[in-house]
Amino acid sequence: MATKFHVKRNDVVVVIAGAHKGKSGKVLEILAAQSRARVEGVAMIKRHLKKSQEHPQGTIAEREGSVHLSNLMLQSVFDASKRKKATA
C-alpha cells in the first residue's frame, strides 16, 4: 500500500527545520521508502564523476540531496501561518 504524504511532486515547499531552514523550491521527487524528498535548489551535494565520453576530464556535478518530509511545509500553508511573521 502506498503511503500518503502532505507534499507531492511539483508542490512548492519551504524548509522549516534543519541546515536548509528558510529555503524554498519545487519538489522534484518523493523518496517514499526513506520519507524524504528532493527539492529544487535545496541541499545541494557535489558528485564526482569519472572520466567518460561526455566528460573526458571527469567533472564535479552538483545535484539536489534529499530533505526529510517532516522538515517541509507547503508554501501556501507557510504563508498563511505565524511562522512567516516569525522569520521575517
PDB file of N, CA and C in Angstrom:
ATOM      1  N   MET A   1       0.842  -1.197   0.000  1.00  0.00           N
ATOM      2  CA  MET A   1       0.000   0.000   0.000  1.00  0.00           C
ATOM      3  C   MET A   1       0.878   1.249   0.000  1.00  0.00           C
ATOM      4  N   ALA A   2       0.563   2.209  -0.808  1.00  0.00           N
ATOM      5  CA  ALA A   2       1.337   3.451  -0.888  1.00  0.00           C
ATOM      6  C   ALA A   2       0.997   4.361   0.292  1.00  0.00           C
ATOM      7  N   THR A   3       2.038   4.963   0.864  1.00  0.00           N
ATOM      8  CA  THR A   3       1.832   5.878   1.986  1.00  0.00           C
ATOM      9  C   THR A   3       1.447   7.248   1.458  1.00  0.00           C
ATOM     10  N   LYS A   4       0.614   7.972   2.189  1.00  0.00           N
ATOM     11  CA  LYS A   4       0.175   9.299   1.765  1.00  0.00           C
ATOM     12  C   LYS A   4       0.978  10.346   2.518  1.00  0.00           C
ATOM     13  N   PHE A   5       1.567  11.272   1.786  1.00  0.00           N
ATOM     14  CA  PHE A   5       2.363  12.341   2.375  1.00  0.00           C
ATOM     15  C   PHE A   5       1.678  13.682   2.166  1.00  0.00           C
ATOM     16  N   HIS A   6       2.063  14.682   2.953  1.00  0.00           N
ATOM     17  CA  HIS A   6       1.450  16.010   2.853  1.00  0.00           C
ATOM     18  C   HIS A   6       1.991  16.832   1.690  1.00  0.00           C
ATOM     19  N   VAL A   7       3.040  16.341   1.014  1.00  0.00           N
ATOM     20  CA  VAL A   7       3.565  17.015  -0.178  1.00  0.00           C
ATOM     21  C   VAL A   7       3.634  16.004  -1.314  1.00  0.00           C
ATOM     22  N   LYS A   8       3.605  16.516  -2.549  1.00  0.00           N
ATOM     23  CA  LYS A   8       3.743  15.637  -3.704  1.00  0.00           C
ATOM     24  C   LYS A   8       4.601  16.344  -4.755  1.00  0.00           C
ATOM     25  N   ARG A   9       4.910  15.645  -5.836  1.00  0.00           N
ATOM     26  CA  ARG A   9       5.752  16.228  -6.878  1.00  0.00           C
ATOM     27  C   ARG A   9       5.154  17.532  -7.408  1.00  0.00           C
ATOM     28  N   ASN A  10       6.030  18.471  -7.730  1.00  0.00           N
ATOM     29  CA  ASN A  10       5.686  19.789  -8.281  1.00  0.00           C
ATOM     30  C   ASN A  10       5.055  20.749  -7.280  1.00  0.00           C
ATOM     31  N   ASP A  11       4.880  20.342  -6.007  1.00  0.00           N
ATOM     32  CA  ASP A  11       4.422  21.283  -4.980  1.00  0.00           C
ATOM     33  C   ASP A  11       5.568  22.242  -4.652  1.00  0.00           C
ATOM     34  N   VAL A  12       5.228  23.483  -4.312  1.00  0.00           N
ATOM     35  CA  VAL A  12       6.239  24.432  -3.844  1.00  0.00           C
ATOM     36  C   VAL A  12       6.251  24.353  -2.323  1.00  0.00           C
ATOM     37  N   VAL A  13       7.437  24.071  -1.762  1.00  0.00           N
ATOM     38  CA  VAL A  13       7.558  23.866  -0.318  1.00  0.00           C
ATOM     39  C   VAL A  13       8.624  24.781   0.288  1.00  0.00           C
ATOM     40  N   VAL A  14       8.547  24.939   1.617  1.00  0.00           N
ATOM     41  CA  VAL A  14       9.537  25.693   2.386  1.00  0.00           C
ATOM     42  C   VAL A  14      10.153  24.722   3.385  1.00  0.00           C
ATOM     43  N   VAL A  15      11.485  24.817   3.571  1.00  0.00           N
ATOM     44  CA  VAL A  15      12.153  24.003   4.583  1.00  0.00           C
ATOM     45  C   VAL A  15      11.986  24.736   5.907  1.00  0.00           C
ATOM     46  N   ILE A  16      11.386  24.071   6.910  1.00  0.00           N
ATOM     47  CA  ILE A  16      11.072  24.739   8.175  1.00  0.00           C
ATOM     48  C   ILE A  16      12.032  24.364   9.300  1.00  0.00           C
ATOM     49  N   ALA A  17      12.928  23.403   9.056  1.00  0.00           N
ATOM     50  CA  ALA A  17      13.874  22.991  10.095  1.00  0.00           C
ATOM     51  C   ALA A  17      15.127  22.418   9.457  1.00  0.00           C
ATOM     52  N   GLY A  18      16.217  22.452  10.194  1.00  0.00           N
ATOM     53  CA  GLY A  18      17.460  21.853   9.723  1.00  0.00           C
ATOM     54  C   GLY A  18      18.400  22.856   9.092  1.00  0.00           C
ATOM     55  N   ALA A  19      19.451  22.346   8.482  1.00  0.00           N
ATOM     56  CA  ALA A  19      20.524  23.173   7.927  1.00  0.00           C
ATOM     57  C   ALA A  19      20.055  24.094   6.797  1.00  0.00           C
ATOM     58  N   HIS A  20      18.966  23.722   6.116  1.00  0.00           N
ATOM     59  CA  HIS A  20      18.494  24.492   4.961  1.00  0.00           C
ATOM     60  C   HIS A  20      17.224  25.270   5.275  1.00  0.00           C
ATOM     61  N   LYS A  21      17.004  25.543   6.556  1.00  0.00           N
ATOM     62  CA  LYS A  21      15.802  26.245   7.014  1.00  0.00           C
ATOM     63  C   LYS A  21      15.623  27.577   6.285  1.00  0.00           C
ATOM     64  N   GLY A  22      14.387  27.829   5.836  1.00  0.00           N
ATOM     65  CA  GLY A  22      14.079  29.085   5.163  1.00  0.00           C
ATOM     66  C   GLY A  22      14.128  29.008   3.652  1.00  0.00           C
ATOM     67  N   LYS A  23      14.822  28.014   3.103  1.00  0.00           N
ATOM     68  CA  LYS A  23      14.900  27.875   1.644  1.00  0.00           C
ATOM     69  C   LYS A  23      13.596  27.280   1.119  1.00  0.00           C
ATOM     70  N   SER A  24      13.278  27.620  -0.130  1.00  0.00           N
ATOM     71  CA  SER A  24      12.070  27.053  -0.734  1.00  0.00           C
ATOM     72  C   SER A  24      12.360  26.618  -2.155  1.00  0.00           C
ATOM     73  N   GLY A  25      11.518  25.754  -2.670  1.00  0.00           N
ATOM     74  CA  GLY A  25      11.680  25.260  -4.025  1.00  0.00           C
ATOM     75  C   GLY A  25      10.593  24.265  -4.364  1.00  0.00           C
ATOM     76  N   LYS A  26      10.659  23.766  -5.594  1.00  0.00           N
ATOM     77  CA  LYS A  26       9.662  22.820  -6.090  1.00  0.00           C
ATOM     78  C   LYS A  26      10.125  21.396  -5.788  1.00  0.00           C
ATOM     79  N   VAL A  27       9.202  20.521  -5.383  1.00  0.00           N
ATOM     80  CA  VAL A  27       9.528  19.125  -5.112  1.00  0.00           C
ATOM     81  C   VAL A  27       9.768  18.418  -6.441  1.00  0.00           C
ATOM     82  N   LEU A  28      10.970  17.846  -6.600  1.00  0.00           N
ATOM     83  CA  LEU A  28      11.319  17.148  -7.828  1.00  0.00           C
ATOM     84  C   LEU A  28      10.959  15.668  -7.754  1.00  0.00           C
ATOM     85  N   GLU A  29      11.069  15.102  -6.540  1.00  0.00           N
ATOM     86  CA  GLU A  29      10.902  13.658  -6.393  1.00  0.00           C
ATOM     87  C   GLU A  29      10.609  13.348  -4.926  1.00  0.00           C
ATOM     88  N   ILE A  30       9.775  12.340  -4.688  1.00  0.00           N
ATOM     89  CA  ILE A  30       9.496  11.858  -3.328  1.00  0.00           C
ATOM     90  C   ILE A  30      10.171  10.496  -3.180  1.00  0.00           C
ATOM     91  N   LEU A  31      10.983  10.343  -2.143  1.00  0.00           N
ATOM     92  CA  LEU A  31      11.625   9.063  -1.845  1.00  0.00           C
ATOM     93  C   LEU A  31      10.836   8.430  -0.698  1.00  0.00           C
ATOM     94  N   ALA A  32       9.791   7.707  -1.045  1.00  0.00           N
ATOM     95  CA  ALA A  32       8.835   7.194  -0.057  1.00  0.00           C
ATOM     96  C   ALA A  32       9.472   6.239   0.955  1.00  0.00           C
ATOM     97  N   ALA A  33      10.379   5.396   0.514  1.00  0.00           N
ATOM     98  CA  ALA A  33      10.995   4.405   1.404  1.00  0.00           C
ATOM     99  C   ALA A  33      11.745   5.067   2.559  1.00  0.00           C
ATOM    100  N   GLN A  34      12.368   6.223   2.298  1.00  0.00           N
ATOM    101  CA  GLN A  34      13.120   6.931   3.330  1.00  0.00           C
ATOM    102  C   GLN A  34      12.358   8.107   3.925  1.00  0.00           C
ATOM    103  N   SER A  35      11.136   8.350   3.469  1.00  0.00           N
ATOM    104  CA  SER A  35      10.326   9.518   3.878  1.00  0.00           C
ATOM    105  C   SER A  35      11.083  10.820   3.639  1.00  0.00           C
ATOM    106  N   ARG A  36      11.673  10.938   2.458  1.00  0.00           N
ATOM    107  CA  ARG A  36      12.453  12.127   2.105  1.00  0.00           C
ATOM    108  C   ARG A  36      12.001  12.645   0.744  1.00  0.00           C
ATOM    109  N   ALA A  37      12.405  13.877   0.427  1.00  0.00           N
ATOM    110  CA  ALA A  37      12.061  14.476  -0.865  1.00  0.00           C
ATOM    111  C   ALA A  37      13.253  15.252  -1.402  1.00  0.00           C
ATOM    112  N   ARG A  38      13.365  15.313  -2.723  1.00  0.00           N
ATOM    113  CA  ARG A  38      14.373  16.168  -3.365  1.00  0.00           C
ATOM    114  C   ARG A  38      13.678  17.470  -3.725  1.00  0.00           C
ATOM    115  N   VAL A  39      14.247  18.593  -3.282  1.00  0.00           N
ATOM    116  CA  VAL A  39      13.662  19.901  -3.532  1.00  0.00           C
ATOM    117  C   VAL A  39      14.640  20.708  -4.378  1.00  0.00           C
ATOM    118  N   GLU A  40      14.121  21.326  -5.437  1.00  0.00           N
ATOM    119  CA  GLU A  40      14.916  22.092  -6.386  1.00  0.00           C
ATOM    120  C   GLU A  40      15.736  23.174  -5.683  1.00  0.00           C
ATOM    121  N   GLY A  41      17.068  23.124  -5.820  1.00  0.00           N
ATOM    122  CA  GLY A  41      17.952  24.148  -5.272  1.00  0.00           C
ATOM    123  C   GLY A  41      18.223  24.047  -3.783  1.00  0.00           C
ATOM    124  N   VAL A  42      17.725  23.002  -3.119  1.00  0.00           N
ATOM    125  CA  VAL A  42      17.917  22.842  -1.674  1.00  0.00           C
ATOM    126  C   VAL A  42      18.793  21.618  -1.413  1.00  0.00           C
ATOM    127  N   ALA A  43      19.687  21.700  -0.430  1.00  0.00           N
ATOM    128  CA  ALA A  43      20.560  20.585  -0.018  1.00  0.00           C
ATOM    129  C   ALA A  43      21.432  20.099  -1.174  1.00  0.00           C
ATOM    130  N   MET A  44      22.088  21.030  -1.853  1.00  0.00           N
ATOM    131  CA  MET A  44      22.926  20.677  -3.000  1.00  0.00           C
ATOM    132  C   MET A  44      24.144  19.870  -2.543  1.00  0.00           C
ATOM    133  N   ILE A  45      24.434  18.778  -3.270  1.00  0.00           N
ATOM    134  CA  ILE A  45      25.603  17.956  -2.976  1.00  0.00           C
ATOM    135  C   ILE A  45      26.471  17.873  -4.220  1.00  0.00           C
ATOM    136  N   LYS A  46      27.772  17.680  -4.022  1.00  0.00           N
ATOM    137  CA  LYS A  46      28.692  17.564  -5.136  1.00  0.00           C
ATOM    138  C   LYS A  46      28.950  16.077  -5.410  1.00  0.00           C
ATOM    139  N   ARG A  47      28.881  15.706  -6.680  1.00  0.00           N
ATOM    140  CA  ARG A  47      29.080  14.308  -7.077  1.00  0.00           C
ATOM    141  C   ARG A  47      30.258  14.277  -8.037  1.00  0.00           C
ATOM    142  N   HIS A  48      31.303  13.537  -7.692  1.00  0.00           N
ATOM    143  CA  HIS A  48      32.480  13.429  -8.550  1.00  0.00           C
ATOM    144  C   HIS A  48      32.249  12.347  -9.594  1.00  0.00           C
ATOM    145  N   LEU A  49      32.349  12.731 -10.881  1.00  0.00           N
ATOM    146  CA  LEU A  49      32.106  11.790 -11.969  1.00  0.00           C
ATOM    147  C   LEU A  49      33.425  11.372 -12.615  1.00  0.00           C
ATOM    148  N   LYS A  50      33.539  10.080 -12.931  1.00  0.00           N
ATOM    149  CA  LYS A  50      34.735   9.560 -13.572  1.00  0.00           C
ATOM    150  C   LYS A  50      34.832  10.062 -15.010  1.00  0.00           C
ATOM    151  N   LYS A  51      36.034   9.927 -15.579  1.00  0.00           N
ATOM    152  CA  LYS A  51      36.217  10.271 -16.982  1.00  0.00           C
ATOM    153  C   LYS A  51      35.325   9.384 -17.839  1.00  0.00           C
ATOM    154  N   SER A  52      34.693   9.990 -18.867  1.00  0.00           N
ATOM    155  CA  SER A  52      33.804   9.235 -19.748  1.00  0.00           C
ATOM    156  C   SER A  52      33.736   9.931 -21.101  1.00  0.00           C
ATOM    157  N   GLN A  53      32.919   9.412 -21.998  1.00  0.00           N
ATOM    158  CA  GLN A  53      32.756  10.018 -23.324  1.00  0.00           C
ATOM    159  C   GLN A  53      32.240  11.453 -23.205  1.00  0.00           C
ATOM    160  N   GLU A  54      31.212  11.668 -22.364  1.00  0.00           N
ATOM    161  CA  GLU A  54      30.629  13.011 -22.208  1.00  0.00           C
ATOM    162  C   GLU A  54      31.577  13.960 -21.483  1.00  0.00           C
ATOM    163  N   HIS A  55      32.325  13.424 -20.505  1.00  0.00           N
ATOM    164  CA  HIS A  55      33.235  14.239 -19.680  1.00  0.00           C
ATOM    165  C   HIS A  55      34.646  13.655 -19.757  1.00  0.00           C
ATOM    166  N   PRO A  56      35.412  14.024 -20.809  1.00  0.00           N
ATOM    167  CA  PRO A  56      36.749  13.433 -20.973  1.00  0.00           C
ATOM    168  C   PRO A  56      37.684  13.710 -19.784  1.00  0.00           C
ATOM    169  N   GLN A  57      37.499  14.838 -19.107  1.00  0.00           N
ATOM    170  CA  GLN A  57      38.347  15.180 -17.970  1.00  0.00           C
ATOM    171  C   GLN A  57      37.768  14.701 -16.645  1.00  0.00           C
ATOM    172  N   GLY A  58      36.533  14.183 -16.686  1.00  0.00           N
ATOM    173  CA  GLY A  58      35.829  13.914 -15.441  1.00  0.00           C
ATOM    174  C   GLY A  58      35.262  15.253 -14.979  1.00  0.00           C
ATOM    175  N   THR A  59      34.392  15.269 -13.998  1.00  0.00           N
ATOM    176  CA  THR A  59      33.802  16.535 -13.565  1.00  0.00           C
ATOM    177  C   THR A  59      33.216  16.403 -12.171  1.00  0.00           C
ATOM    178  N   ILE A  60      32.909  17.538 -11.576  1.00  0.00           N
ATOM    179  CA  ILE A  60      32.215  17.553 -10.299  1.00  0.00           C
ATOM    180  C   ILE A  60      30.840  18.128 -10.573  1.00  0.00           C
ATOM    181  N   ALA A  61      29.810  17.283 -10.474  1.00  0.00           N
ATOM    182  CA  ALA A  61      28.444  17.708 -10.764  1.00  0.00           C
ATOM    183  C   ALA A  61      27.731  18.028  -9.455  1.00  0.00           C
ATOM    184  N   GLU A  62      26.944  19.083  -9.462  1.00  0.00           N
ATOM    185  CA  GLU A  62      26.142  19.430  -8.290  1.00  0.00           C
ATOM    186  C   GLU A  62      24.712  18.989  -8.534  1.00  0.00           C
ATOM    187  N   ARG A  63      24.110  18.322  -7.537  1.00  0.00           N
ATOM    188  CA  ARG A  63      22.716  17.933  -7.666  1.00  0.00           C
ATOM    189  C   ARG A  63      22.046  18.021  -6.302  1.00  0.00           C
ATOM    190  N   GLU A  64      20.729  17.914  -6.309  1.00  0.00           N
ATOM    191  CA  GLU A  64      19.966  18.047  -5.074  1.00  0.00           C
ATOM    192  C   GLU A  64      20.098  16.802  -4.207  1.00  0.00           C
ATOM    193  N   GLY A  65      20.331  17.017  -2.925  1.00  0.00           N
ATOM    194  CA  GLY A  65      20.264  15.933  -1.958  1.00  0.00           C
ATOM    195  C   GLY A  65      18.824  15.836  -1.503  1.00  0.00           C
ATOM    196  N   SER A  66      18.563  15.064  -0.465  1.00  0.00           N
ATOM    197  CA  SER A  66      17.181  14.920  -0.015  1.00  0.00           C
ATOM    198  C   SER A  66      16.984  15.567   1.353  1.00  0.00           C
ATOM    199  N   VAL A  67      15.750  15.977   1.613  1.00  0.00           N
ATOM    200  CA  VAL A  67      15.360  16.599   2.874  1.00  0.00           C
ATOM    201  C   VAL A  67      14.232  15.745   3.447  1.00  0.00           C
ATOM    202  N   HIS A  68      14.235  15.526   4.756  1.00  0.00           N
ATOM    203  CA  HIS A  68      13.188  14.714   5.371  1.00  0.00           C
ATOM    204  C   HIS A  68      11.852  15.438   5.256  1.00  0.00           C
ATOM    205  N   LEU A  69      10.785  14.673   5.002  1.00  0.00           N
ATOM    206  CA  LEU A  69       9.461  15.255   4.796  1.00  0.00           C
ATOM    207  C   LEU A  69       8.953  16.034   6.007  1.00  0.00           C
ATOM    208  N   SER A  70       9.393  15.652   7.209  1.00  0.00           N
ATOM    209  CA  SER A  70       8.944  16.355   8.412  1.00  0.00           C
ATOM    210  C   SER A  70       9.496  17.777   8.470  1.00  0.00           C
ATOM    211  N   ASN A  71      10.542  18.063   7.681  1.00  0.00           N
ATOM    212  CA  ASN A  71      11.140  19.400   7.655  1.00  0.00           C
ATOM    213  C   ASN A  71      10.582  20.269   6.537  1.00  0.00           C
ATOM    214  N   LEU A  72       9.566  19.783   5.843  1.00  0.00           N
ATOM    215  CA  LEU A  72       8.976  20.521   4.723  1.00  0.00           C
ATOM    216  C   LEU A  72       7.555  20.956   5.032  1.00  0.00           C
ATOM    217  N   MET A  73       7.184  22.132   4.509  1.00  0.00           N
ATOM    218  CA  MET A  73       5.818  22.630   4.643  1.00  0.00           C
ATOM    219  C   MET A  73       5.425  23.268   3.319  1.00  0.00           C
ATOM    220  N   LEU A  74       4.182  23.083   2.906  1.00  0.00           N
ATOM    221  CA  LEU A  74       3.701  23.703   1.670  1.00  0.00           C
ATOM    222  C   LEU A  74       3.828  25.219   1.759  1.00  0.00           C
ATOM    223  N   GLN A  75       4.242  25.866   0.677  1.00  0.00           N
ATOM    224  CA  GLN A  75       4.418  27.319   0.646  1.00  0.00           C
ATOM    225  C   GLN A  75       3.125  28.045   1.018  1.00  0.00           C
ATOM    226  N   SER A  76       1.997  27.561   0.504  1.00  0.00           N
ATOM    227  CA  SER A  76       0.707  28.209   0.766  1.00  0.00           C
ATOM    228  C   SER A  76       0.360  28.163   2.256  1.00  0.00           C
ATOM    229  N   VAL A  77       0.612  27.034   2.893  1.00  0.00           N
ATOM    230  CA  VAL A  77       0.344  26.876   4.328  1.00  0.00           C
ATOM    231  C   VAL A  77       1.309  27.751   5.130  1.00  0.00           C
ATOM    232  N   PHE A  78       2.574  27.776   4.699  1.00  0.00           N
ATOM    233  CA  PHE A  78       3.605  28.581   5.361  1.00  0.00           C
ATOM    234  C   PHE A  78       3.249  30.072   5.319  1.00  0.00           C
ATOM    235  N   ASP A  79       2.798  30.550   4.156  1.00  0.00           N
ATOM    236  CA  ASP A  79       2.439  31.962   4.001  1.00  0.00           C
ATOM    237  C   ASP A  79       1.259  32.343   4.892  1.00  0.00           C
ATOM    238  N   ALA A  80       0.350  31.412   5.116  1.00  0.00           N
ATOM    239  CA  ALA A  80      -0.830  31.689   5.929  1.00  0.00           C
ATOM    240  C   ALA A  80      -0.563  31.517   7.424  1.00  0.00           C
ATOM    241  N   SER A  81       0.599  30.958   7.787  1.00  0.00           N
ATOM    242  CA  SER A  81       0.872  30.639   9.191  1.00  0.00           C
ATOM    243  C   SER A  81       1.620  31.758   9.914  1.00  0.00           C
ATOM    244  N   LYS A  82       1.790  31.584  11.219  1.00  0.00           N
ATOM    245  CA  LYS A  82       2.523  32.544  12.051  1.00  0.00           C
ATOM    246  C   LYS A  82       4.029  32.459  11.792  1.00  0.00           C
ATOM    247  N   ARG A  83       4.499  31.317  11.243  1.00  0.00           N
ATOM    248  CA  ARG A  83       5.930  31.119  11.009  1.00  0.00           C
ATOM    249  C   ARG A  83       6.536  32.203  10.109  1.00  0.00           C
ATOM    250  N   LYS A  84       5.767  32.623   9.095  1.00  0.00           N
ATOM    251  CA  LYS A  84       6.280  33.622   8.153  1.00  0.00           C
ATOM    252  C   LYS A  84       6.590  34.919   8.878  1.00  0.00           C
ATOM    253  N   LYS A  85       5.725  35.312   9.790  1.00  0.00           N
ATOM    254  CA  LYS A  85       5.933  36.546  10.564  1.00  0.00           C
ATOM    255  C   LYS A  85       7.144  36.412  11.484  1.00  0.00           C
ATOM    256  N   ALA A  86       7.340  35.206  12.030  1.00  0.00           N
ATOM    257  CA  ALA A  86       8.457  34.955  12.961  1.00  0.00           C
ATOM    258  C   ALA A  86       9.814  35.035  12.253  1.00  0.00           C
ATOM    259  N   THR A  87       9.914  34.546  11.002  1.00  0.00           N
ATOM    260  CA  THR A  87      11.183  34.559  10.297  1.00  0.00           C
ATOM    261  C   THR A  87      11.463  35.908   9.636  1.00  0.00           C
ATOM    262  N   ALA A  88      10.435  36.684   9.344  1.00  0.00           N
ATOM    263  CA  ALA A  88      10.615  37.967   8.647  1.00  0.00           C
ATOM    264  C   ALA A  88      11.083  39.072   9.583  1.00  0.00           C
TER     265      ALA A  88
END
